[in-house]
C-alpha atoms as a PDB file:
ATOM      1  CA  MET A   1      -9.657   5.818  23.722  1.00  0.00           C
ATOM      2  CA  PRO A   2      -9.973   7.271  20.201  1.00  0.00           C
ATOM      3  CA  SER A   3      -7.705   6.403  17.488  1.00  0.00           C
ATOM      4  CA  GLY A   4      -4.678   8.539  17.415  1.00  0.00           C
ATOM      5  CA  ALA A   5      -4.261   8.675  21.128  1.00  0.00           C
ATOM      6  CA  PRO A   6      -0.812   7.497  22.608  1.00  0.00           C
ATOM      7  CA  VAL A   7      -0.828   4.031  23.927  1.00  0.00           C
ATOM      8  CA  ALA A   8       2.528   3.719  25.734  1.00  0.00           C
ATOM      9  CA  SER A   9       0.705   4.606  29.166  1.00  0.00           C
ATOM     10  CA  LEU A  10      -1.404   1.508  28.696  1.00  0.00           C
ATOM     11  CA  ALA A  11       1.465  -0.973  28.647  1.00  0.00           C
ATOM     12  CA  ALA A  12       1.827  -3.003  31.691  1.00  0.00           C
ATOM     13  CA  PRO A  13       4.888  -5.109  31.576  1.00  0.00           C
ATOM     14  CA  MET A  14       3.602  -7.701  34.084  1.00  0.00           C
ATOM     15  CA  GLN A  15       0.308  -8.097  32.183  1.00  0.00           C
ATOM     16  CA  SER A  16      -0.059 -10.993  29.851  1.00  0.00           C
ATOM     17  CA  PHE A  17      -0.388 -10.417  26.007  1.00  0.00           C
ATOM     18  CA  VAL A  18      -4.043 -11.062  25.921  1.00  0.00           C
ATOM     19  CA  ALA A  19      -4.808  -8.834  28.900  1.00  0.00           C
ATOM     20  CA  GLN A  20      -2.931  -5.824  27.359  1.00  0.00           C
ATOM     21  CA  LEU A  21      -4.534  -6.569  24.076  1.00  0.00           C
ATOM     22  CA  ALA A  22      -8.146  -6.608  25.546  1.00  0.00           C
ATOM     23  CA  GLN A  23      -7.359  -3.528  27.633  1.00  0.00           C
ATOM     24  CA  ARG A  24      -6.343  -1.624  24.548  1.00  0.00           C
ATOM     25  CA  VAL A  25      -9.349  -2.594  22.434  1.00  0.00           C
ATOM     26  CA  LEU A  26     -11.729  -2.018  25.235  1.00  0.00           C
ATOM     27  CA  GLY A  27     -10.109   1.404  25.682  1.00  0.00           C
ATOM     28  CA  GLY A  28     -11.005   2.198  22.206  1.00  0.00           C
ATOM     29  CA  MET A  29      -8.099   1.183  20.034  1.00  0.00           C
ATOM     30  CA  ALA A  30      -8.834  -0.603  16.791  1.00  0.00           C
ATOM     31  CA  PRO A  31      -8.392  -4.485  16.815  1.00  0.00           C
ATOM     32  CA  VAL A  32      -5.742  -4.437  14.229  1.00  0.00           C
ATOM     33  CA  VAL A  33      -2.281  -5.613  13.765  1.00  0.00           C
ATOM     34  CA  ILE A  34       0.166  -4.073  11.254  1.00  0.00           C
ATOM     35  CA  GLY A  35       2.407  -6.385   9.513  1.00  0.00           C
ATOM     36  CA  LEU A  36       6.153  -5.574   9.202  1.00  0.00           C
ATOM     37  CA  ASP A  37       7.438  -7.124   5.914  1.00  0.00           C
ATOM     38  CA  PRO A  38      10.373  -4.983   4.980  1.00  0.00           C
ATOM     39  CA  ARG A  39      11.448  -5.085   1.193  1.00  0.00           C
ATOM     40  CA  LEU A  40      14.244  -2.898  -0.007  1.00  0.00           C
ATOM     41  CA  ASP A  41      12.564  -2.092  -3.311  1.00  0.00           C
ATOM     42  CA  ALA A  42       9.475  -0.697  -1.262  1.00  0.00           C
ATOM     43  CA  LEU A  43      11.383   1.512   1.147  1.00  0.00           C
ATOM     44  CA  PRO A  44      11.341   5.342   0.845  1.00  0.00           C
ATOM     45  CA  ALA A  45      14.244   6.581  -1.244  1.00  0.00           C
ATOM     46  CA  ALA A  46      15.024   9.178   1.513  1.00  0.00           C
ATOM     47  CA  VAL A  47      15.614   6.575   4.082  1.00  0.00           C
ATOM     48  CA  LEU A  48      19.400   6.224   4.422  1.00  0.00           C
ATOM     49  CA  PRO A  49      20.036   6.188   0.628  1.00  0.00           C
ATOM     50  CA  GLY A  50      22.981   3.969  -0.007  1.00  0.00           C
ATOM     51  CA  GLY A  51      22.973   2.440   3.376  1.00  0.00           C
ATOM     52  CA  ALA A  52      23.235  -1.287   4.157  1.00  0.00           C
ATOM     53  CA  PRO A  53      19.934  -3.071   3.900  1.00  0.00           C
ATOM     54  CA  ALA A  54      19.749  -3.860   7.599  1.00  0.00           C
ATOM     55  CA  ALA A  55      20.437  -0.307   8.529  1.00  0.00           C
ATOM     56  CA  ARG A  56      17.822   1.045   6.127  1.00  0.00           C
ATOM     57  CA  ILE A  57      15.145  -1.343   7.574  1.00  0.00           C
ATOM     58  CA  VAL A  58      15.695  -0.296  11.110  1.00  0.00           C
ATOM     59  CA  GLU A  59      15.775   3.367  10.165  1.00  0.00           C
ATOM     60  CA  PHE A  60      12.525   2.804   8.390  1.00  0.00           C
ATOM     61  CA  TYR A  61      10.837   1.458  11.448  1.00  0.00           C
ATOM     62  CA  ARG A  62      12.458   3.916  13.850  1.00  0.00           C
ATOM     63  CA  LEU A  63      10.557   6.525  11.915  1.00  0.00           C
ATOM     64  CA  THR A  64       7.254   4.689  11.383  1.00  0.00           C
ATOM     65  CA  LEU A  65       6.624   2.796  14.417  1.00  0.00           C
ATOM     66  CA  PRO A  66       5.813   5.885  16.660  1.00  0.00           C
ATOM     67  CA  VAL A  67       3.282   6.664  13.856  1.00  0.00           C
ATOM     68  CA  ILE A  68       1.694   3.115  13.891  1.00  0.00           C
ATOM     69  CA  ALA A  69       1.506   3.281  17.694  1.00  0.00           C
ATOM     70  CA  ARG A  70      -1.105   5.995  17.452  1.00  0.00           C
ATOM     71  CA  HIS A  71      -3.489   3.796  15.559  1.00  0.00           C
ATOM     72  CA  ALA A  72      -2.631   0.057  16.371  1.00  0.00           C
ATOM     73  CA  PRO A  73      -2.090  -1.924  19.513  1.00  0.00           C
ATOM     74  CA  CYS A  74       0.124  -4.642  17.912  1.00  0.00           C
ATOM     75  CA  VAL A  75       2.621  -5.158  15.078  1.00  0.00           C
ATOM     76  CA  LYS A  76       3.500  -8.357  13.390  1.00  0.00           C
ATOM     77  CA  PRO A  77       7.129  -8.586  12.062  1.00  0.00           C
ATOM     78  CA  ASN A  78       7.587 -11.354   9.630  1.00  0.00           C
ATOM     79  CA  ILE A  79      10.874 -12.850  10.314  1.00  0.00           C
ATOM     80  CA  ALA A  80      11.456 -14.062   6.828  1.00  0.00           C
ATOM     81  CA  PHE A  81      11.935 -10.587   5.388  1.00  0.00           C
ATOM     82  CA  PHE A  82      14.649 -10.003   8.096  1.00  0.00           C
ATOM     83  CA  GLU A  83      16.437 -13.417   7.823  1.00  0.00           C
ATOM     84  CA  CYS A  84      17.108 -13.056   4.102  1.00  0.00           C
ATOM     85  CA  TYR A  85      19.741 -10.397   4.944  1.00  0.00           C
ATOM     86  CA  GLY A  86      21.638 -12.908   7.045  1.00  0.00           C
ATOM     87  CA  SER A  87      23.052 -12.270  10.532  1.00  0.00           C
ATOM     88  CA  ALA A  88      22.632  -8.474   9.954  1.00  0.00           C
ATOM     89  CA  GLY A  89      19.116  -9.081   9.152  1.00  0.00           C
ATOM     90  CA  TYR A  90      18.349 -10.834  12.208  1.00  0.00           C
ATOM     91  CA  GLN A  91      19.835  -8.108  14.224  1.00  0.00           C
ATOM     92  CA  ALA A  92      17.632  -5.741  12.366  1.00  0.00           C
ATOM     93  CA  TYR A  93      14.743  -8.107  13.392  1.00  0.00           C
ATOM     94  CA  GLU A  94      15.678  -7.857  17.143  1.00  0.00           C
ATOM     95  CA  ALA A  95      16.137  -3.975  16.854  1.00  0.00           C
ATOM     96  CA  THR A  96      12.769  -3.625  15.260  1.00  0.00           C
ATOM     97  CA  CYS A  97      11.009  -5.744  17.870  1.00  0.00           C
ATOM     98  CA  ALA A  98      12.887  -3.567  20.653  1.00  0.00           C
ATOM     99  CA  LEU A  99      11.704  -0.324  18.847  1.00  0.00           C
ATOM    100  CA  ALA A 100       8.148  -1.578  18.672  1.00  0.00           C
ATOM    101  CA  ARG A 101       8.186  -2.214  22.471  1.00  0.00           C
ATOM    102  CA  LYS A 102       9.800   1.027  23.135  1.00  0.00           C
ATOM    103  CA  ASN A 103       6.808   2.692  21.423  1.00  0.00           C
ATOM    104  CA  GLY A 104       4.258   0.831  23.471  1.00  0.00           C
ATOM    105  CA  LEU A 105       3.359  -1.639  20.756  1.00  0.00           C
ATOM    106  CA  LEU A 106       2.683  -5.456  21.466  1.00  0.00           C
ATOM    107  CA  VAL A 107       4.818  -7.733  19.314  1.00  0.00           C
ATOM    108  CA  LEU A 108       3.371 -10.785  17.541  1.00  0.00           C
ATOM    109  CA  ALA A 109       6.307 -12.397  15.810  1.00  0.00           C
ATOM    110  CA  ASP A 110       5.352 -14.162  12.663  1.00  0.00           C
ATOM    111  CA  ILE A 111       7.793 -17.046  12.921  1.00  0.00           C
ATOM    112  CA  LYS A 112       5.499 -20.041  12.032  1.00  0.00           C
ATOM    113  CA  ARG A 113       7.847 -22.415  13.930  1.00  0.00           C
ATOM    114  CA  GLY A 114       6.984 -26.170  14.576  1.00  0.00           C
ATOM    115  CA  ASP A 115       9.201 -28.749  16.055  1.00  0.00           C
ATOM    116  CA  ILE A 116       9.474 -30.915  18.975  1.00  0.00           C
ATOM    117  CA  GLY A 117      11.276 -31.679  22.247  1.00  0.00           C
ATOM    118  CA  SER A 118      14.404 -29.626  22.950  1.00  0.00           C
ATOM    119  CA  THR A 119      14.292 -27.922  19.739  1.00  0.00           C
ATOM    120  CA  ALA A 120      10.661 -26.577  20.426  1.00  0.00           C
ATOM    121  CA  GLU A 121      11.939 -25.539  23.694  1.00  0.00           C
ATOM    122  CA  ALA A 122      14.928 -23.623  22.268  1.00  0.00           C
ATOM    123  CA  TYR A 123      12.658 -21.780  19.899  1.00  0.00           C
ATOM    124  CA  ALA A 124      10.272 -20.793  22.578  1.00  0.00           C
ATOM    125  CA  GLU A 125      13.140 -19.458  24.879  1.00  0.00           C
ATOM    126  CA  GLY A 126      14.814 -17.567  21.858  1.00  0.00           C
ATOM    127  CA  HIS A 127      11.726 -16.031  20.400  1.00  0.00           C
ATOM    128  CA  TYR A 128       9.892 -15.099  23.544  1.00  0.00           C
ATOM    129  CA  ALA A 129      12.967 -13.126  24.724  1.00  0.00           C
ATOM    130  CA  ILE A 130      12.071 -10.784  21.852  1.00  0.00           C
ATOM    131  CA  ALA A 131       8.277 -10.998  21.291  1.00  0.00           C
ATOM    132  CA  ASP A 132       5.144 -11.147  23.223  1.00  0.00           C
ATOM    133  CA  ALA A 133       3.336 -13.699  21.041  1.00  0.00           C
ATOM    134  CA  VAL A 134       4.370 -15.982  18.186  1.00  0.00           C
ATOM    135  CA  THR A 135       2.896 -17.902  15.245  1.00  0.00           C
ATOM    136  CA  LEU A 136       3.117 -21.672  15.253  1.00  0.00           C
ATOM    137  CA  HIS A 137       2.188 -24.515  12.760  1.00  0.00           C
ATOM    138  CA  PRO A 138       0.754 -27.565  14.373  1.00  0.00           C
ATOM    139  CA  TYR A 139       1.522 -30.392  12.005  1.00  0.00           C
ATOM    140  CA  LEU A 140       3.869 -32.059  14.353  1.00  0.00           C
ATOM    141  CA  GLY A 141       1.161 -32.240  17.020  1.00  0.00           C
ATOM    142  CA  GLY A 142       0.488 -31.360  20.663  1.00  0.00           C
ATOM    143  CA  ASP A 143       3.894 -31.730  21.884  1.00  0.00           C
ATOM    144  CA  SER A 144       5.386 -29.294  19.339  1.00  0.00           C
ATOM    145  CA  VAL A 145       3.205 -26.653  20.794  1.00  0.00           C
ATOM    146  CA  ALA A 146       3.551 -27.604  24.535  1.00  0.00           C
ATOM    147  CA  PRO A 147       6.857 -25.852  25.155  1.00  0.00           C
ATOM    148  CA  PHE A 148       5.310 -22.498  23.948  1.00  0.00           C
ATOM    149  CA  LEU A 149       2.279 -23.058  26.236  1.00  0.00           C
ATOM    150  CA  LYS A 150       4.515 -23.160  29.392  1.00  0.00           C
ATOM    151  CA  ALA A 151       5.335 -19.445  28.676  1.00  0.00           C
ATOM    152  CA  CYS A 152       1.757 -18.570  28.473  1.00  0.00           C
ATOM    153  CA  HIS A 153       1.058 -18.958  32.123  1.00  0.00           C
ATOM    154  CA  PRO A 154       1.206 -15.443  33.911  1.00  0.00           C
ATOM    155  CA  GLU A 155       3.962 -16.645  36.216  1.00  0.00           C
ATOM    156  CA  ARG A 156       6.131 -17.631  33.265  1.00  0.00           C
ATOM    157  CA  GLY A 157       5.771 -14.409  31.234  1.00  0.00           C
ATOM    158  CA  GLY A 158       2.060 -14.287  30.049  1.00  0.00           C
ATOM    159  CA  LYS A 159       2.926 -14.931  26.324  1.00  0.00           C
ATOM    160  CA  ALA A 160       0.693 -16.111  23.671  1.00  0.00           C
ATOM    161  CA  VAL A 161       0.714 -18.420  20.652  1.00  0.00           C
ATOM    162  CA  VAL A 162      -1.290 -18.120  17.456  1.00  0.00           C
ATOM    163  CA  VAL A 163      -1.729 -21.546  15.719  1.00  0.00           C
ATOM    164  CA  LEU A 164      -2.288 -21.821  11.974  1.00  0.00           C
ATOM    165  CA  VAL A 165      -5.817 -23.205  11.510  1.00  0.00           C
ATOM    166  CA  ARG A 166      -7.070 -21.790   8.208  1.00  0.00           C
ATOM    167  CA  THR A 167      -4.478 -20.026   6.318  1.00  0.00           C
ATOM    168  CA  SER A 168      -5.288 -17.252   3.794  1.00  0.00           C
ATOM    169  CA  ASN A 169      -3.412 -18.719   0.686  1.00  0.00           C
ATOM    170  CA  PRO A 170      -5.187 -20.666  -2.053  1.00  0.00           C
ATOM    171  CA  GLY A 171      -3.174 -23.717  -1.308  1.00  0.00           C
ATOM    172  CA  ALA A 172      -4.792 -24.075   2.045  1.00  0.00           C
ATOM    173  CA  ARG A 173      -7.246 -26.337   0.449  1.00  0.00           C
ATOM    174  CA  ASP A 174      -4.492 -28.941  -0.391  1.00  0.00           C
ATOM    175  CA  PHE A 175      -4.544 -30.237   3.177  1.00  0.00           C
ATOM    176  CA  GLN A 176      -6.888 -28.133   5.346  1.00  0.00           C
ATOM    177  CA  ASP A 177      -9.913 -29.411   3.438  1.00  0.00           C
ATOM    178  CA  LEU A 178      -8.985 -33.049   3.734  1.00  0.00           C
ATOM    179  CA  LEU A 179     -11.743 -34.800   5.745  1.00  0.00           C
ATOM    180  CA  VAL A 180     -10.535 -36.423   9.174  1.00  0.00           C
ATOM    181  CA  GLY A 181     -13.492 -38.193  10.915  1.00  0.00           C
ATOM    182  CA  GLY A 182     -15.910 -36.468   8.601  1.00  0.00           C
ATOM    183  CA  GLU A 183     -14.794 -32.910   9.149  1.00  0.00           C
ATOM    184  CA  PRO A 184     -12.122 -30.741   7.437  1.00  0.00           C
ATOM    185  CA  LEU A 185      -8.745 -30.970   8.961  1.00  0.00           C
ATOM    186  CA  CYS A 186      -8.665 -27.267   9.867  1.00  0.00           C
ATOM    187  CA  ASP A 187     -11.710 -27.891  11.997  1.00  0.00           C
ATOM    188  CA  VAL A 188      -9.860 -30.715  13.778  1.00  0.00           C
ATOM    189  CA  VAL A 189      -7.060 -28.218  14.399  1.00  0.00           C
ATOM    190  CA  ALA A 190      -9.392 -25.627  15.599  1.00  0.00           C
ATOM    191  CA  ARG A 191     -10.750 -28.063  18.329  1.00  0.00           C
ATOM    192  CA  ALA A 192      -7.184 -28.819  19.306  1.00  0.00           C
ATOM    193  CA  VAL A 193      -6.510 -25.074  19.763  1.00  0.00           C
ATOM    194  CA  THR A 194      -9.457 -24.759  21.967  1.00  0.00           C
ATOM    195  CA  ARG A 195      -8.405 -27.753  24.114  1.00  0.00           C
ATOM    196  CA  TRP A 196      -4.838 -26.277  24.444  1.00  0.00           C
ATOM    197  CA  GLY A 197      -6.285 -23.066  25.852  1.00  0.00           C
ATOM    198  CA  ALA A 198      -8.784 -24.575  28.086  1.00  0.00           C
ATOM    199  CA  ASP A 199      -6.426 -24.874  31.058  1.00  0.00           C
ATOM    200  CA  LEU A 200      -4.898 -21.513  30.707  1.00  0.00           C
ATOM    201  CA  PRO A 201      -5.995 -18.388  32.505  1.00  0.00           C
ATOM    202  CA  GLN A 202      -8.469 -16.286  30.274  1.00  0.00           C
ATOM    203  CA  THR A 203      -8.788 -12.569  30.020  1.00  0.00           C
ATOM    204  CA  GLU A 204     -12.202 -11.253  29.136  1.00  0.00           C
ATOM    205  CA  GLY A 205     -13.239 -14.787  28.060  1.00  0.00           C
ATOM    206  CA  TYR A 206     -10.197 -15.247  25.776  1.00  0.00           C
ATOM    207  CA  SER A 207      -7.237 -17.699  26.292  1.00  0.00           C
ATOM    208  CA  PRO A 208      -3.478 -16.961  25.258  1.00  0.00           C
ATOM    209  CA  VAL A 209      -4.021 -19.739  22.593  1.00  0.00           C
ATOM    210  CA  GLY A 210      -5.057 -17.926  19.410  1.00  0.00           C
ATOM    211  CA  ALA A 211      -5.615 -19.056  15.735  1.00  0.00           C
ATOM    212  CA  VAL A 212      -4.896 -17.847  12.320  1.00  0.00           C
ATOM    213  CA  VAL A 213      -8.088 -17.772  10.117  1.00  0.00           C
ATOM    214  CA  GLY A 214      -7.500 -16.246   6.824  1.00  0.00           C
ATOM    215  CA  ALA A 215      -9.826 -13.239   5.847  1.00  0.00           C
ATOM    216  CA  THR A 216      -9.899 -14.832   2.492  1.00  0.00           C
ATOM    217  CA  TRP A 217     -12.368 -17.516   3.590  1.00  0.00           C
ATOM    218  CA  PRO A 218     -15.188 -15.320   4.907  1.00  0.00           C
ATOM    219  CA  GLN A 219     -17.685 -18.122   4.199  1.00  0.00           C
ATOM    220  CA  GLU A 220     -15.978 -20.368   6.902  1.00  0.00           C
ATOM    221  CA  LEU A 221     -15.479 -17.642   9.457  1.00  0.00           C
ATOM    222  CA  ALA A 222     -18.720 -18.226  11.530  1.00  0.00           C
ATOM    223  CA  ARG A 223     -17.998 -21.934  11.740  1.00  0.00           C
ATOM    224  CA  LEU A 224     -14.390 -21.554  12.854  1.00  0.00           C
ATOM    225  CA  ARG A 225     -15.320 -18.736  15.259  1.00  0.00           C
ATOM    226  CA  ALA A 226     -17.960 -21.177  16.982  1.00  0.00           C
ATOM    227  CA  LEU A 227     -15.068 -23.952  17.087  1.00  0.00           C
ATOM    228  CA  LEU A 228     -12.766 -21.476  18.719  1.00  0.00           C
ATOM    229  CA  PRO A 229     -15.043 -19.450  21.274  1.00  0.00           C
ATOM    230  CA  ASN A 230     -12.140 -18.502  23.551  1.00  0.00           C
ATOM    231  CA  ALA A 231      -9.356 -17.878  20.986  1.00  0.00           C
ATOM    232  CA  TRP A 232      -8.125 -14.429  19.606  1.00  0.00           C
ATOM    233  CA  LEU A 233      -8.289 -14.940  15.792  1.00  0.00           C
ATOM    234  CA  LEU A 234      -5.553 -13.409  13.645  1.00  0.00           C
ATOM    235  CA  LEU A 235      -7.107 -12.438  10.290  1.00  0.00           C
ATOM    236  CA  PRO A 236      -4.583 -12.105   7.510  1.00  0.00           C
ATOM    237  CA  GLY A 237      -5.308 -11.712   3.850  1.00  0.00           C
ATOM    238  CA  VAL A 238      -6.903  -8.414   3.853  1.00  0.00           C
ATOM    239  CA  GLY A 239      -5.955  -6.226   0.808  1.00  0.00           C
ATOM    240  CA  ALA A 240      -3.445  -7.574  -1.565  1.00  0.00           C
ATOM    241  CA  GLN A 241      -4.825 -11.193  -1.046  1.00  0.00           C
ATOM    242  CA  GLY A 242      -8.243 -10.134  -1.783  1.00  0.00           C
ATOM    243  CA  GLY A 243      -9.930 -10.309   1.731  1.00  0.00           C
ATOM    244  CA  LYS A 244     -12.284  -7.759   2.770  1.00  0.00           C
ATOM    245  CA  VAL A 245     -12.594  -6.197   6.140  1.00  0.00           C
ATOM    246  CA  THR A 246     -16.425  -5.910   5.709  1.00  0.00           C
ATOM    247  CA  ASP A 247     -16.509  -9.708   5.601  1.00  0.00           C
ATOM    248  CA  LEU A 248     -15.089 -10.157   9.052  1.00  0.00           C
ATOM    249  CA  ALA A 249     -17.889  -9.162  11.590  1.00  0.00           C
ATOM    250  CA  ALA A 250     -18.496 -12.628  12.659  1.00  0.00           C
ATOM    251  CA  ALA A 251     -14.968 -12.965  14.177  1.00  0.00           C
ATOM    252  CA  PHE A 252     -15.826 -10.316  16.883  1.00  0.00           C
ATOM    253  CA  ASP A 253     -18.018 -10.359  19.991  1.00  0.00           C
ATOM    254  CA  ALA A 254     -20.544  -7.647  20.959  1.00  0.00           C
ATOM    255  CA  ARG A 255     -17.517  -5.697  22.714  1.00  0.00           C
ATOM    256  CA  GLY A 256     -15.597  -5.733  19.563  1.00  0.00           C
ATOM    257  CA  LEU A 257     -13.023  -8.248  21.027  1.00  0.00           C
ATOM    258  CA  GLY A 258     -11.807 -11.551  19.753  1.00  0.00           C
ATOM    259  CA  ALA A 259      -9.944 -10.898  16.532  1.00  0.00           C
ATOM    260  CA  LEU A 260      -7.127  -8.854  14.909  1.00  0.00           C
ATOM    261  CA  VAL A 261      -7.283  -7.842  11.445  1.00  0.00           C
ATOM    262  CA  ASN A 262      -3.867  -7.657   9.701  1.00  0.00           C
ATOM    263  CA  GLN A 263      -2.774  -5.369   7.221  1.00  0.00           C
ATOM    264  CA  SER A 264       0.807  -5.058   5.833  1.00  0.00           C
ATOM    265  CA  ARG A 265       1.416  -3.709   2.387  1.00  0.00           C
ATOM    266  CA  GLY A 266      -1.668  -1.617   2.361  1.00  0.00           C
ATOM    267  CA  VAL A 267      -0.286   0.436   5.227  1.00  0.00           C
ATOM    268  CA  MET A 268       3.508   0.195   5.235  1.00  0.00           C
ATOM    269  CA  GLN A 269       3.780   0.408   1.389  1.00  0.00           C
ATOM    270  CA  ALA A 270       0.977   3.176   1.110  1.00  0.00           C
ATOM    271  CA  PHE A 271       3.309   5.496  -0.925  1.00  0.00           C
ATOM    272  CA  GLN A 272       5.662   5.799  -3.896  1.00  0.00           C
ATOM    273  CA  VAL A 273       9.298   5.291  -2.928  1.00  0.00           C
ATOM    274  CA  GLY A 274      10.204   8.765  -4.168  1.00  0.00           C
ATOM    275  CA  ASP A 275       7.306  10.476  -2.414  1.00  0.00           C
ATOM    276  CA  PRO A 276       8.443  13.132   0.061  1.00  0.00           C
ATOM    277  CA  ASP A 277       5.398  12.766   2.161  1.00  0.00           C
ATOM    278  CA  TRP A 278       5.731   9.006   2.446  1.00  0.00           C
ATOM    279  CA  LEU A 279       5.462   9.161   6.306  1.00  0.00           C
ATOM    280  CA  SER A 280       2.017  10.956   6.187  1.00  0.00           C
ATOM    281  CA  ARG A 281       0.709   8.515   3.602  1.00  0.00           C
ATOM    282  CA  ILE A 282       1.639   5.726   5.996  1.00  0.00           C
ATOM    283  CA  GLU A 283      -0.275   7.446   8.828  1.00  0.00           C
ATOM    284  CA  LEU A 284      -3.321   8.040   6.749  1.00  0.00           C
ATOM    285  CA  ALA A 285      -3.364   4.528   5.697  1.00  0.00           C
ATOM    286  CA  ALA A 286      -3.040   3.272   9.319  1.00  0.00           C
ATOM    287  CA  LYS A 287      -5.687   5.611  10.343  1.00  0.00           C
ATOM    288  CA  ASN A 288      -8.087   4.735   7.779  1.00  0.00           C
ATOM    289  CA  PHE A 289      -7.518   1.010   8.280  1.00  0.00           C
ATOM    290  CA  ALA A 290      -8.171   1.270  12.066  1.00  0.00           C
ATOM    291  CA  VAL A 291     -11.309   3.346  11.574  1.00  0.00           C
ATOM    292  CA  GLU A 292     -12.692   0.709   9.087  1.00  0.00           C
ATOM    293  CA  CYS A 293     -11.780  -2.358  11.351  1.00  0.00           C
ATOM    294  CA  ARG A 294     -13.156  -0.823  14.506  1.00  0.00           C
ATOM    295  CA  ALA A 295     -16.518  -0.112  12.651  1.00  0.00           C
ATOM    296  CA  VAL A 296     -16.742  -3.550  11.602  1.00  0.00           C
ATOM    297  CA  ALA A 297     -15.757  -5.056  14.948  1.00  0.00           C
ATOM    298  CA  MET A 298     -18.408  -3.152  16.688  1.00  0.00           C
ATOM    299  CA  THR A 299     -21.135  -4.116  14.226  1.00  0.00           C
ATOM    300  CA  ARG A 300     -22.765  -6.551  16.790  1.00  0.00           C
ATOM    301  CA  SER A 301     -22.630  -3.933  19.598  1.00  0.00           C
ATOM    302  CA  THR A 302     -24.307  -1.302  17.239  1.00  0.00           C
ATOM    303  CA  SER A 303     -26.981  -3.663  16.217  1.00  0.00           C
ATOM    304  CA  GLN A 304     -27.728  -4.570  19.696  1.00  0.00           C
ATOM    305  CA  GLY A 305     -27.950  -0.992  20.695  1.00  0.00           C
ATOM    306  CA  ASN A 306     -30.465  -0.299  18.090  1.00  0.00           C
ATOM    307  CA  SER A 307     -32.589  -3.319  18.575  1.00  0.00           C
END
């Protein structure tokens, strides 16, 4: 399916997150996820001027998500940018996720939770009621991830988790480079992610246990891809953080599957706040980003076809 085609008809509520994601990418959509990180100082001036912060945020996404759905299979709302407005902000988060689903978009919630026992179970119950997949940090170990894995079984909802393995920030080196048994800690976590996904059903060779691998570390991408053969990789850090789409080909298989390139500000803030054509600017940025990412994702397929 070419970029720009409606995707709502592809949504199958009973399918798992990874099944729907694979179906959409194989159907021609770009392997991208658009980050939703609302900032009041970056909202268009024309969107509910003088309105309450939460109301302005929801209105912004009411207008933009139908446009994003033409070019991306998935969005990634970052809960911090909603929670900072208190209870009204959380309601805006819920409303934004509902709007995304209404427009046929998958929702990967960037919540970065990590706790144990009944606390982890409560997080899983609450967030999976809103989103199709969530980000987790693994510092507390396997039992902090286990409650989320239960929901990844098809009969329990077909959800997904994306575990922080190699984050995009410069401070990632502080802990993720520490040697454990002779290898970097991020590699140890990558092996754990592979284990956690091993007993779960796969779609097109990929499990519902994915991994965050920052696009800002392209020299490490091939190594981590090899350690995560069955994981969808979430690749943040393109654009404002310095990562380049052209450096990410190693994340994808020959079908263009296996990774989602994230872009937030480069798409959702691709305008001046007073620009009357702000929505067109967003659509153009989303379209260009999708075209660029699909071309890189299909690099192996193209090279094999020409060999």
